[in-house]
C-alpha atoms as a PDB file:
ATOM      1  CA  UNK A   1      48.527 -48.448  47.951  1.00  0.00           C
ATOM      2  CA  UNK A   2      45.204 -48.398  47.305  1.00  0.00           C
ATOM      3  CA  UNK A   3      45.144 -46.734  43.854  1.00  0.00           C
ATOM      4  CA  UNK A   4      47.592 -48.767  42.502  1.00  0.00           C
ATOM      5  CA  UNK A   5      45.567 -52.129  43.723  1.00  0.00           C
ATOM      6  CA  UNK A   6      42.853 -50.574  41.732  1.00  0.00           C
ATOM      7  CA  UNK A   7      44.502 -50.210  38.160  1.00  0.00           C
ATOM      8  CA  UNK A   8      44.334 -54.124  37.189  1.00  0.00           C
ATOM      9  CA  UNK A   9      40.880 -54.064  38.276  1.00  0.00           C
ATOM     10  CA  UNK A  10      40.328 -51.563  36.017  1.00  0.00           C
ATOM     11  CA  UNK A  11      42.057 -52.952  33.075  1.00  0.00           C
ATOM     12  CA  UNK A  12      40.487 -56.041  33.612  1.00  0.00           C
ATOM     13  CA  UNK A  13      36.900 -54.348  33.509  1.00  0.00           C
ATOM     14  CA  UNK A  14      37.902 -52.550  30.390  1.00  0.00           C
ATOM     15  CA  UNK A  15      38.896 -56.203  28.637  1.00  0.00           C
ATOM     16  CA  UNK A  16      35.891 -57.645  29.743  1.00  0.00           C
ATOM     17  CA  UNK A  17      34.069 -54.727  28.123  1.00  0.00           C
ATOM     18  CA  UNK A  18      35.955 -55.092  25.028  1.00  0.00           C
ATOM     19  CA  UNK A  19      35.321 -58.759  25.114  1.00  0.00           C
ATOM     20  CA  UNK A  20      31.500 -58.432  25.565  1.00  0.00           C
ATOM     21  CA  UNK A  21      30.679 -56.191  23.170  1.00  0.00           C
ATOM     22  CA  UNK A  22      32.722 -58.659  20.638  1.00  0.00           C
ATOM     23  CA  UNK A  23      30.602 -61.322  21.449  1.00  0.00           C
ATOM     24  CA  UNK A  24      27.586 -59.092  21.153  1.00  0.00           C
ATOM     25  CA  UNK A  25      28.496 -58.450  17.439  1.00  0.00           C
ATOM     26  CA  UNK A  26      25.629 -60.252  15.899  1.00  0.00           C
ATOM     27  CA  UNK A  27      23.175 -58.611  18.651  1.00  0.00           C
ATOM     28  CA  UNK A  28      24.584 -54.758  18.056  1.00  0.00           C
ATOM     29  CA  UNK A  29      25.034 -55.200  13.668  1.00  0.00           C
ATOM     30  CA  UNK A  30      21.194 -56.406  14.013  1.00  0.00           C
ATOM     31  CA  UNK A  31      20.176 -53.511  16.593  1.00  0.00           C
ATOM     32  CA  UNK A  32      22.297 -51.004  13.811  1.00  0.00           C
ATOM     33  CA  UNK A  33      20.579 -52.119  10.791  1.00  0.00           C
ATOM     34  CA  UNK A  34      17.052 -52.346  12.223  1.00  0.00           C
ATOM     35  CA  UNK A  35      17.281 -49.209  13.424  1.00  0.00           C
ATOM     36  CA  UNK A  36      19.171 -47.282   9.971  1.00  0.00           C
ATOM     37  CA  UNK A  37      15.957 -48.928   8.005  1.00  0.00           C
ATOM     38  CA  UNK A  38      13.463 -47.842  10.693  1.00  0.00           C
ATOM     39  CA  UNK A  39      15.317 -44.152   9.868  1.00  0.00           C
ATOM     40  CA  UNK A  40      15.502 -44.619   6.360  1.00  0.00           C
ATOM     41  CA  UNK A  41      11.962 -45.314   6.088  1.00  0.00           C
ATOM     42  CA  UNK A  42      10.714 -42.520   8.520  1.00  0.00           C
ATOM     43  CA  UNK A  43      12.774 -40.038   6.615  1.00  0.00           C
ATOM     44  CA  UNK A  44      11.031 -41.199   3.458  1.00  0.00           C
ATOM     45  CA  UNK A  45       7.799 -40.414   4.816  1.00  0.00           C
ATOM     46  CA  UNK A  46       8.856 -37.005   6.112  1.00  0.00           C
ATOM     47  CA  UNK A  47       7.401 -34.028   3.336  1.00  0.00           C
ATOM     48  CA  UNK A  48       9.878 -32.033   2.165  1.00  0.00           C
ATOM     49  CA  UNK A  49       9.996 -28.365   2.766  1.00  0.00           C
ATOM     50  CA  UNK A  50      11.268 -25.316   0.473  1.00  0.00           C
ATOM     51  CA  UNK A  51      12.173 -22.102   0.841  1.00  0.00           C
ATOM     52  CA  UNK A  52      12.142 -19.031  -0.774  1.00  0.00           C
ATOM     53  CA  UNK A  53      14.149 -15.582   0.157  1.00  0.00           C
ATOM     54  CA  UNK A  54      13.897 -12.366  -0.905  1.00  0.00           C
ATOM     55  CA  UNK A  55      16.848  -9.532   0.067  1.00  0.00           C
ATOM     56  CA  UNK A  56      15.800  -6.128   0.944  1.00  0.00           C
ATOM     57  CA  UNK A  57      17.044  -2.827   1.476  1.00  0.00           C
ATOM     58  CA  UNK A  58      15.678   0.254   2.897  1.00  0.00           C
ATOM     59  CA  UNK A  59      14.330   2.290   0.669  1.00  0.00           C
ATOM     60  CA  UNK A  60      15.764   5.842   0.561  1.00  0.00           C
ATOM     61  CA  UNK A  61      12.755   8.316   0.571  1.00  0.00           C
ATOM     62  CA  UNK A  62      13.520  11.414  -1.693  1.00  0.00           C
ATOM     63  CA  UNK A  63      11.504  13.948   0.108  1.00  0.00           C
ATOM     64  CA  UNK A  64      14.129  12.942   3.386  1.00  0.00           C
ATOM     65  CA  UNK A  65      16.903  14.885   1.414  1.00  0.00           C
ATOM     66  CA  UNK A  66      14.912  17.507  -0.093  1.00  0.00           C
ATOM     67  CA  UNK A  67      13.087  18.366   2.563  1.00  0.00           C
ATOM     68  CA  UNK A  68      15.748  18.250   5.297  1.00  0.00           C
ATOM     69  CA  UNK A  69      16.688  21.499   5.501  1.00  0.00           C
ATOM     70  CA  UNK A  70      12.889  22.701   5.268  1.00  0.00           C
ATOM     71  CA  UNK A  71      12.026  20.656   8.595  1.00  0.00           C
ATOM     72  CA  UNK A  72      15.018  21.781  10.708  1.00  0.00           C
ATOM     73  CA  UNK A  73      13.849  25.186  10.330  1.00  0.00           C
ATOM     74  CA  UNK A  74      10.239  24.577  10.960  1.00  0.00           C
ATOM     75  CA  UNK A  75      10.207  21.873  13.218  1.00  0.00           C
ATOM     76  CA  UNK A  76       9.996  23.785  16.539  1.00  0.00           C
ATOM     77  CA  UNK A  77       7.204  25.969  14.878  1.00  0.00           C
ATOM     78  CA  UNK A  78       5.565  22.753  13.628  1.00  0.00           C
ATOM     79  CA  UNK A  79       5.488  21.203  17.362  1.00  0.00           C
ATOM     80  CA  UNK A  80       4.349  24.108  18.647  1.00  0.00           C
ATOM     81  CA  UNK A  81       1.546  24.337  16.130  1.00  0.00           C
ATOM     82  CA  UNK A  82       1.387  20.358  17.220  1.00  0.00           C
ATOM     83  CA  UNK A  83       2.010  18.503  14.081  1.00  0.00           C
ATOM     84  CA  UNK A  84       4.978  16.237  13.719  1.00  0.00           C
ATOM     85  CA  UNK A  85       6.534  16.241  10.302  1.00  0.00           C
ATOM     86  CA  UNK A  86       6.938  13.227   8.279  1.00  0.00           C
ATOM     87  CA  UNK A  87      10.480  12.201   6.348  1.00  0.00           C
ATOM     88  CA  UNK A  88      13.274  13.800   7.981  1.00  0.00           C
ATOM     89  CA  UNK A  89      15.740  10.481   7.448  1.00  0.00           C
ATOM     90  CA  UNK A  90      13.989   8.852  10.031  1.00  0.00           C
ATOM     91  CA  UNK A  91      14.869   5.144   9.531  1.00  0.00           C
ATOM     92  CA  UNK A  92      11.293   3.534   9.712  1.00  0.00           C
ATOM     93  CA  UNK A  93      12.678  -0.428   8.461  1.00  0.00           C
ATOM     94  CA  UNK A  94      12.744  -1.218  12.274  1.00  0.00           C
ATOM     95  CA  UNK A  95       8.852  -0.372  12.648  1.00  0.00           C
ATOM     96  CA  UNK A  96       8.046  -1.966   9.430  1.00  0.00           C
ATOM     97  CA  UNK A  97      10.263  -5.387  10.480  1.00  0.00           C
ATOM     98  CA  UNK A  98       8.097  -5.529  13.735  1.00  0.00           C
ATOM     99  CA  UNK A  99       4.944  -4.821  11.487  1.00  0.00           C
ATOM    100  CA  UNK A 100       5.738  -7.598   9.541  1.00  0.00           C
ATOM    101  CA  UNK A 101       5.755  -9.940  13.086  1.00  0.00           C
ATOM    102  CA  UNK A 102       2.682  -8.515  14.431  1.00  0.00           C
ATOM    103  CA  UNK A 103      -0.170 -10.511  14.838  1.00  0.00           C
ATOM    104  CA  UNK A 104      -2.642  -7.778  13.372  1.00  0.00           C
ATOM    105  CA  UNK A 105      -0.169  -7.805  10.118  1.00  0.00           C
ATOM    106  CA  UNK A 106       0.104 -11.502   9.681  1.00  0.00           C
ATOM    107  CA  UNK A 107      -3.752 -12.591  10.383  1.00  0.00           C
ATOM    108  CA  UNK A 108      -5.153  -9.501   7.906  1.00  0.00           C
ATOM    109  CA  UNK A 109      -2.632 -10.762   5.324  1.00  0.00           C
ATOM    110  CA  UNK A 110      -3.819 -14.419   6.029  1.00  0.00           C
ATOM    111  CA  UNK A 111      -7.620 -13.305   5.800  1.00  0.00           C
ATOM    112  CA  UNK A 112      -6.405 -11.388   2.579  1.00  0.00           C
ATOM    113  CA  UNK A 113      -4.947 -14.212   0.535  1.00  0.00           C
ATOM    114  CA  UNK A 114      -7.187 -17.171   2.145  1.00  0.00           C
ATOM    115  CA  UNK A 115      -4.049 -18.930   3.624  1.00  0.00           C
ATOM    116  CA  UNK A 116      -5.364 -20.226   6.796  1.00  0.00           C
ATOM    117  CA  UNK A 117      -5.468 -23.601   5.334  1.00  0.00           C
ATOM    118  CA  UNK A 118      -2.351 -23.558   3.389  1.00  0.00           C
ATOM    119  CA  UNK A 119      -0.780 -22.669   6.876  1.00  0.00           C
ATOM    120  CA  UNK A 120      -2.325 -24.999   9.439  1.00  0.00           C
ATOM    121  CA  UNK A 121      -3.643 -28.112   7.481  1.00  0.00           C
ATOM    122  CA  UNK A 122      -1.049 -28.468   4.568  1.00  0.00           C
ATOM    123  CA  UNK A 123       0.641 -31.816   4.836  1.00  0.00           C
ATOM    124  CA  UNK A 124       2.836 -32.077   2.000  1.00  0.00           C
ATOM    125  CA  UNK A 125       3.466 -31.412  -1.681  1.00  0.00           C
ATOM    126  CA  UNK A 126       2.719 -33.592  -5.192  1.00  0.00           C
ATOM    127  CA  UNK A 127       5.247 -32.391  -7.503  1.00  0.00           C
ATOM    128  CA  UNK A 128       3.794 -34.110 -10.874  1.00  0.00           C
ATOM    129  CA  UNK A 129       0.293 -32.177 -10.399  1.00  0.00           C
ATOM    130  CA  UNK A 130       1.726 -29.225  -8.348  1.00  0.00           C
ATOM    131  CA  UNK A 131      -0.760 -29.775  -5.716  1.00  0.00           C
ATOM    132  CA  UNK A 132      -1.125 -29.199  -1.903  1.00  0.00           C
ATOM    133  CA  UNK A 133      -1.784 -31.778   0.186  1.00  0.00           C
ATOM    134  CA  UNK A 134      -4.254 -31.595   3.297  1.00  0.00           C
ATOM    135  CA  UNK A 135      -4.161 -33.404   6.265  1.00  0.00           C
ATOM    136  CA  UNK A 136      -7.963 -34.568   6.178  1.00  0.00           C
ATOM    137  CA  UNK A 137      -8.208 -34.899  10.103  1.00  0.00           C
ATOM    138  CA  UNK A 138      -7.662 -31.061   9.694  1.00  0.00           C
ATOM    139  CA  UNK A 139      -9.311 -29.487   6.761  1.00  0.00           C
ATOM    140  CA  UNK A 140     -11.411 -30.858   4.152  1.00  0.00           C
ATOM    141  CA  UNK A 141     -10.358 -29.780   1.031  1.00  0.00           C
ATOM    142  CA  UNK A 142     -13.316 -30.853  -1.316  1.00  0.00           C
ATOM    143  CA  UNK A 143     -15.733 -29.647   1.028  1.00  0.00           C
ATOM    144  CA  UNK A 144     -13.713 -25.831   2.344  1.00  0.00           C
ATOM    145  CA  UNK A 145     -15.000 -27.076   5.887  1.00  0.00           C
ATOM    146  CA  UNK A 146     -12.697 -27.570   9.142  1.00  0.00           C
ATOM    147  CA  UNK A 147     -12.691 -30.982  10.123  1.00  0.00           C
ATOM    148  CA  UNK A 148     -10.391 -30.684  13.551  1.00  0.00           C
ATOM    149  CA  UNK A 149     -11.631 -32.412  16.561  1.00  0.00           C
ATOM    150  CA  UNK A 150     -12.630 -29.565  19.739  1.00  0.00           C
ATOM    151  CA  UNK A 151     -10.113 -30.010  22.477  1.00  0.00           C
ATOM    152  CA  UNK A 152     -11.013 -27.027  25.046  1.00  0.00           C
ATOM    153  CA  UNK A 153     -10.557 -23.641  23.747  1.00  0.00           C
ATOM    154  CA  UNK A 154      -9.580 -25.334  20.358  1.00  0.00           C
ATOM    155  CA  UNK A 155     -12.571 -25.066  17.923  1.00  0.00           C
ATOM    156  CA  UNK A 156     -12.431 -27.170  14.789  1.00  0.00           C
ATOM    157  CA  UNK A 157     -11.165 -23.497  12.746  1.00  0.00           C
ATOM    158  CA  UNK A 158      -7.833 -22.437  14.184  1.00  0.00           C
ATOM    159  CA  UNK A 159      -7.933 -19.260  16.188  1.00  0.00           C
ATOM    160  CA  UNK A 160      -5.935 -16.419  14.829  1.00  0.00           C
ATOM    161  CA  UNK A 161      -3.576 -16.895  17.725  1.00  0.00           C
ATOM    162  CA  UNK A 162      -3.011 -20.343  16.147  1.00  0.00           C
ATOM    163  CA  UNK A 163      -2.502 -19.188  13.178  1.00  0.00           C
ATOM    164  CA  UNK A 164       0.114 -16.287  14.059  1.00  0.00           C
ATOM    165  CA  UNK A 165       2.117 -18.579  16.267  1.00  0.00           C
ATOM    166  CA  UNK A 166       2.329 -21.492  13.542  1.00  0.00           C
ATOM    167  CA  UNK A 167       3.311 -18.831  10.972  1.00  0.00           C
ATOM    168  CA  UNK A 168       6.088 -17.576  12.755  1.00  0.00           C
ATOM    169  CA  UNK A 169       7.387 -20.856  13.624  1.00  0.00           C
ATOM    170  CA  UNK A 170       7.221 -22.891  10.636  1.00  0.00           C
ATOM    171  CA  UNK A 171       6.873 -20.427   7.945  1.00  0.00           C
ATOM    172  CA  UNK A 172       8.306 -16.892   8.119  1.00  0.00           C
ATOM    173  CA  UNK A 173      11.526 -15.410   9.155  1.00  0.00           C
ATOM    174  CA  UNK A 174      13.193 -12.116   9.078  1.00  0.00           C
ATOM    175  CA  UNK A 175      16.640 -10.931   9.706  1.00  0.00           C
ATOM    176  CA  UNK A 176      18.911  -7.932   9.748  1.00  0.00           C
ATOM    177  CA  UNK A 177      22.344  -7.609   8.822  1.00  0.00           C
ATOM    178  CA  UNK A 178      24.272  -5.470  10.773  1.00  0.00           C
ATOM    179  CA  UNK A 179      26.906  -4.928   8.907  1.00  0.00           C
ATOM    180  CA  UNK A 180      24.902  -3.846   5.771  1.00  0.00           C
ATOM    181  CA  UNK A 181      21.560  -3.027   6.955  1.00  0.00           C
ATOM    182  CA  UNK A 182      20.081  -5.296   4.445  1.00  0.00           C
ATOM    183  CA  UNK A 183      16.961  -7.392   5.072  1.00  0.00           C
ATOM    184  CA  UNK A 184      16.318 -11.484   4.356  1.00  0.00           C
ATOM    185  CA  UNK A 185      13.087 -12.472   4.409  1.00  0.00           C
ATOM    186  CA  UNK A 186      12.571 -16.318   4.342  1.00  0.00           C
ATOM    187  CA  UNK A 187       9.400 -18.323   3.799  1.00  0.00           C
ATOM    188  CA  UNK A 188       8.971 -21.973   3.781  1.00  0.00           C
ATOM    189  CA  UNK A 189       6.101 -24.366   2.644  1.00  0.00           C
ATOM    190  CA  UNK A 190       5.896 -27.813   1.252  1.00  0.00           C
ATOM    191  CA  UNK A 191       5.047 -26.355  -2.123  1.00  0.00           C
ATOM    192  CA  UNK A 192       8.445 -23.916  -3.497  1.00  0.00           C
ATOM    193  CA  UNK A 193       5.653 -22.126  -5.975  1.00  0.00           C
ATOM    194  CA  UNK A 194       3.470 -21.319  -2.744  1.00  0.00           C
ATOM    195  CA  UNK A 195       6.577 -20.246  -0.694  1.00  0.00           C
ATOM    196  CA  UNK A 196       7.538 -17.858  -3.487  1.00  0.00           C
ATOM    197  CA  UNK A 197       3.989 -16.614  -4.202  1.00  0.00           C
ATOM    198  CA  UNK A 198       3.319 -15.783  -0.395  1.00  0.00           C
ATOM    199  CA  UNK A 199       6.617 -14.101   0.356  1.00  0.00           C
ATOM    200  CA  UNK A 200       6.372 -11.640  -2.783  1.00  0.00           C
ATOM    201  CA  UNK A 201       2.464 -10.697  -1.324  1.00  0.00           C
ATOM    202  CA  UNK A 202       3.768 -10.065   1.669  1.00  0.00           C
ATOM    203  CA  UNK A 203       6.743  -7.665   1.088  1.00  0.00           C
ATOM    204  CA  UNK A 204       4.039  -6.159  -1.250  1.00  0.00           C
ATOM    205  CA  UNK A 205       1.730  -5.749   1.941  1.00  0.00           C
ATOM    206  CA  UNK A 206       4.193  -4.147   3.860  1.00  0.00           C
ATOM    207  CA  UNK A 207       5.181  -1.589   1.558  1.00  0.00           C
ATOM    208  CA  UNK A 208       1.479  -0.757   0.747  1.00  0.00           C
ATOM    209  CA  UNK A 209       0.310  -1.088   4.244  1.00  0.00           C
ATOM    210  CA  UNK A 210       3.278   1.445   5.594  1.00  0.00           C
ATOM    211  CA  UNK A 211       2.611   3.810   2.546  1.00  0.00           C
ATOM    212  CA  UNK A 212      -1.184   3.865   3.478  1.00  0.00           C
ATOM    213  CA  UNK A 213      -0.446   4.915   6.943  1.00  0.00           C
ATOM    214  CA  UNK A 214       2.210   7.862   5.774  1.00  0.00           C
ATOM    215  CA  UNK A 215      -0.410   9.025   3.605  1.00  0.00           C
ATOM    216  CA  UNK A 216      -3.487   9.052   6.138  1.00  0.00           C
ATOM    217  CA  UNK A 217      -0.492  10.945   8.619  1.00  0.00           C
ATOM    218  CA  UNK A 218      -0.120  13.285   5.896  1.00  0.00           C
ATOM    219  CA  UNK A 219      -3.566  14.083   5.299  1.00  0.00           C
ATOM    220  CA  UNK A 220      -4.448  14.531   8.972  1.00  0.00           C
ATOM    221  CA  UNK A 221      -1.560  17.091   9.506  1.00  0.00           C
ATOM    222  CA  UNK A 222      -2.905  18.973   5.998  1.00  0.00           C
ATOM    223  CA  UNK A 223      -6.346  19.086   7.533  1.00  0.00           C
ATOM    224  CA  UNK A 224      -5.445  20.287  11.405  1.00  0.00           C
ATOM    225  CA  UNK A 225      -2.993  22.930   9.615  1.00  0.00           C
ATOM    226  CA  UNK A 226      -5.435  24.119   7.690  1.00  0.00           C
ATOM    227  CA  UNK A 227      -7.952  24.555  10.734  1.00  0.00           C
ATOM    228  CA  UNK A 228      -5.295  26.015  12.614  1.00  0.00           C
ATOM    229  CA  UNK A 229      -4.636  28.722   9.252  1.00  0.00           C
ATOM    230  CA  UNK A 230      -8.278  29.604  10.049  1.00  0.00           C
ATOM    231  CA  UNK A 231      -7.845  30.495  13.242  1.00  0.00           C
ATOM    232  CA  UNK A 232      -5.037  32.832  13.391  1.00  0.00           C
ATOM    233  CA  UNK A 233      -4.239  36.011  12.112  1.00  0.00           C
ATOM    234  CA  UNK A 234      -0.841  36.312  12.971  1.00  0.00           C
ATOM    235  CA  UNK A 235       0.642  36.837   9.270  1.00  0.00           C
ATOM    236  CA  UNK A 236       3.966  35.077  10.136  1.00  0.00           C
ATOM    237  CA  UNK A 237       2.681  32.330  11.769  1.00  0.00           C
ATOM    238  CA  UNK A 238       0.484  31.896   8.627  1.00  0.00           C
ATOM    239  CA  UNK A 239       3.943  31.935   6.332  1.00  0.00           C
ATOM    240  CA  UNK A 240       4.775  29.308   8.782  1.00  0.00           C
ATOM    241  CA  UNK A 241       1.639  27.306   8.333  1.00  0.00           C
ATOM    242  CA  UNK A 242       1.857  27.721   4.366  1.00  0.00           C
ATOM    243  CA  UNK A 243       4.966  26.390   3.875  1.00  0.00           C
ATOM    244  CA  UNK A 244       4.291  23.351   6.711  1.00  0.00           C
ATOM    245  CA  UNK A 245       1.262  22.708   4.841  1.00  0.00           C
ATOM    246  CA  UNK A 246       3.068  22.746   1.477  1.00  0.00           C
ATOM    247  CA  UNK A 247       5.781  20.487   2.809  1.00  0.00           C
ATOM    248  CA  UNK A 248       3.028  17.829   3.352  1.00  0.00           C
ATOM    249  CA  UNK A 249       1.479  18.060   0.420  1.00  0.00           C
ATOM    250  CA  UNK A 250       4.626  17.492  -1.619  1.00  0.00           C
ATOM    251  CA  UNK A 251       5.571  14.631   0.727  1.00  0.00           C
ATOM    252  CA  UNK A 252       2.327  12.911   0.218  1.00  0.00           C
ATOM    253  CA  UNK A 253       2.611  13.404  -3.435  1.00  0.00           C
ATOM    254  CA  UNK A 254       6.313  11.804  -3.545  1.00  0.00           C
ATOM    255  CA  UNK A 255       5.089   9.131  -1.027  1.00  0.00           C
ATOM    256  CA  UNK A 256       1.913   8.639  -3.475  1.00  0.00           C
ATOM    257  CA  UNK A 257       4.245   7.773  -6.314  1.00  0.00           C
ATOM    258  CA  UNK A 258       6.562   4.881  -4.969  1.00  0.00           C
ATOM    259  CA  UNK A 259       5.466   1.073  -4.778  1.00  0.00           C
ATOM    260  CA  UNK A 260       8.693   0.265  -2.947  1.00  0.00           C
ATOM    261  CA  UNK A 261       8.024   2.728  -0.035  1.00  0.00           C
ATOM    262  CA  UNK A 262       9.432   1.240   2.815  1.00  0.00           C
ATOM    263  CA  UNK A 263      11.699  -1.973   1.318  1.00  0.00           C
ATOM    264  CA  UNK A 264      13.484  -1.963  -1.779  1.00  0.00           C
ATOM    265  CA  UNK A 265      14.139  -5.441  -3.516  1.00  0.00           C
ATOM    266  CA  UNK A 266      17.910  -6.336  -4.046  1.00  0.00           C
ATOM    267  CA  UNK A 267      17.578 -10.027  -4.767  1.00  0.00           C
ATOM    268  CA  UNK A 268      14.084 -10.794  -6.095  1.00  0.00           C
ATOM    269  CA  UNK A 269      12.510 -14.165  -4.544  1.00  0.00           C
ATOM    270  CA  UNK A 270      12.559 -17.364  -6.682  1.00  0.00           C
ATOM    271  CA  UNK A 271      11.225 -21.201  -6.785  1.00  0.00           C
ATOM    272  CA  UNK A 272      13.842 -23.270  -4.799  1.00  0.00           C
ATOM    273  CA  UNK A 273      14.662 -26.732  -6.403  1.00  0.00           C
ATOM    274  CA  UNK A 274      16.277 -28.298  -3.643  1.00  0.00           C
ATOM    275  CA  UNK A 275      14.424 -28.733  -0.100  1.00  0.00           C
ATOM    276  CA  UNK A 276      15.517 -27.421   2.798  1.00  0.00           C
ATOM    277  CA  UNK A 277      14.163 -29.917   5.140  1.00  0.00           C
ATOM    278  CA  UNK A 278      14.312 -32.809   6.310  1.00  0.00           C
ATOM    279  CA  UNK A 279      18.058 -33.518   6.649  1.00  0.00           C
ATOM    280  CA  UNK A 280      17.633 -37.269   5.419  1.00  0.00           C
ATOM    281  CA  UNK A 281      21.286 -38.044   6.066  1.00  0.00           C
ATOM    282  CA  UNK A 282      21.143 -36.627   9.884  1.00  0.00           C
ATOM    283  CA  UNK A 283      17.956 -38.628  10.453  1.00  0.00           C
ATOM    284  CA  UNK A 284      19.847 -41.908   9.671  1.00  0.00           C
ATOM    285  CA  UNK A 285      22.812 -41.101  11.283  1.00  0.00           C
ATOM    286  CA  UNK A 286      20.580 -40.671  14.375  1.00  0.00           C
ATOM    287  CA  UNK A 287      19.343 -44.001  13.848  1.00  0.00           C
ATOM    288  CA  UNK A 288      22.650 -45.338  13.502  1.00  0.00           C
ATOM    289  CA  UNK A 289      24.392 -44.109  16.973  1.00  0.00           C
ATOM    290  CA  UNK A 290      20.896 -45.370  18.730  1.00  0.00           C
ATOM    291  CA  UNK A 291      21.482 -48.173  17.072  1.00  0.00           C
ATOM    292  CA  UNK A 292      24.392 -48.869  18.266  1.00  0.00           C
ATOM    293  CA  UNK A 293      23.973 -47.736  22.152  1.00  0.00           C
ATOM    294  CA  UNK A 294      20.824 -49.968  22.106  1.00  0.00           C
ATOM    295  CA  UNK A 295      22.934 -52.804  21.254  1.00  0.00           C
ATOM    296  CA  UNK A 296      25.508 -52.398  22.994  1.00  0.00           C
ATOM    297  CA  UNK A 297      23.637 -52.315  26.131  1.00  0.00           C
ATOM    298  CA  UNK A 298      21.556 -55.125  25.065  1.00  0.00           C
ATOM    299  CA  UNK A 299      24.684 -56.874  24.606  1.00  0.00           C
ATOM    300  CA  UNK A 300      26.253 -56.051  28.438  1.00  0.00           C
ATOM    301  CA  UNK A 301      22.933 -56.774  29.852  1.00  0.00           C
ATOM    302  CA  UNK A 302      22.571 -59.880  28.118  1.00  0.00           C
ATOM    303  CA  UNK A 303      26.527 -61.203  28.822  1.00  0.00           C
ATOM    304  CA  UNK A 304      25.553 -59.766  32.373  1.00  0.00           C
ATOM    305  CA  UNK A 305      22.655 -61.778  32.801  1.00  0.00           C
ATOM    306  CA  UNK A 306      24.889 -64.799  32.009  1.00  0.00           C
ATOM    307  CA  UNK A 307      27.986 -63.947  34.396  1.00  0.00           C
ATOM    308  CA  UNK A 308      25.250 -64.271  36.858  1.00  0.00           C
ATOM    309  CA  UNK A 309      23.850 -67.374  36.502  1.00  0.00           C
END
């Protein structure tokens, strides 16, 4: 019985709400218009961000197939001799992608290319002059000095930890397609030219770094094998050691000839013509929704106050 009696009250409340909104249409319209104009102005002050991306695939090292049989035959004896054979078809791309995201690699890369101001202090890009703009409260480009105010452990010049966090958050991303095995690397920046430049240098850097590491490991193996060879008088073991040395030397030679050692480029990076953010339509739409909500609430409060009077 109580439920039946409440239905007219509910209908009355909804009708009253509808009438209140109709009465406050002027206030709601003003609120929506104000918020939309504010959202438009805000979106116009937001700097464009461009991206450049490159599509990579794991490089197929020729030594993997050439020495696969030899590695399997000599692998046991190599482990007895204390040597880990290179090659063998091992997938080093997982290791390489993790290296690309590491603090050591990113900070080394940033220092080598003097990218810290570009990452930590840039605030926009001027199309006409192709000039990166900098926040003067953080960095003075004319004097090349950091002007950020001290705040506890945060000094004027950003630390390596800050650079690493911001680089991963705002600039760099890497992903792998599990179906194809292809790797997509993306670089974002206010300047589309800088985005492409940094991305190209980053891919070149990781190839060189992994290549250098492999050559160093081969050199250490060869050096150790020669020392072991000098200490043994067993002819059978000597033959094995000579074969291992030959394998490492040929592997080193093949590594040295490759410019794209760990990643091969499938689709080159490019200079983007359209910004990826901000999404100005979304900003204006959010302004419209906020203005509508604010206008409706204000109308309800206004006419509710009148009813109470």
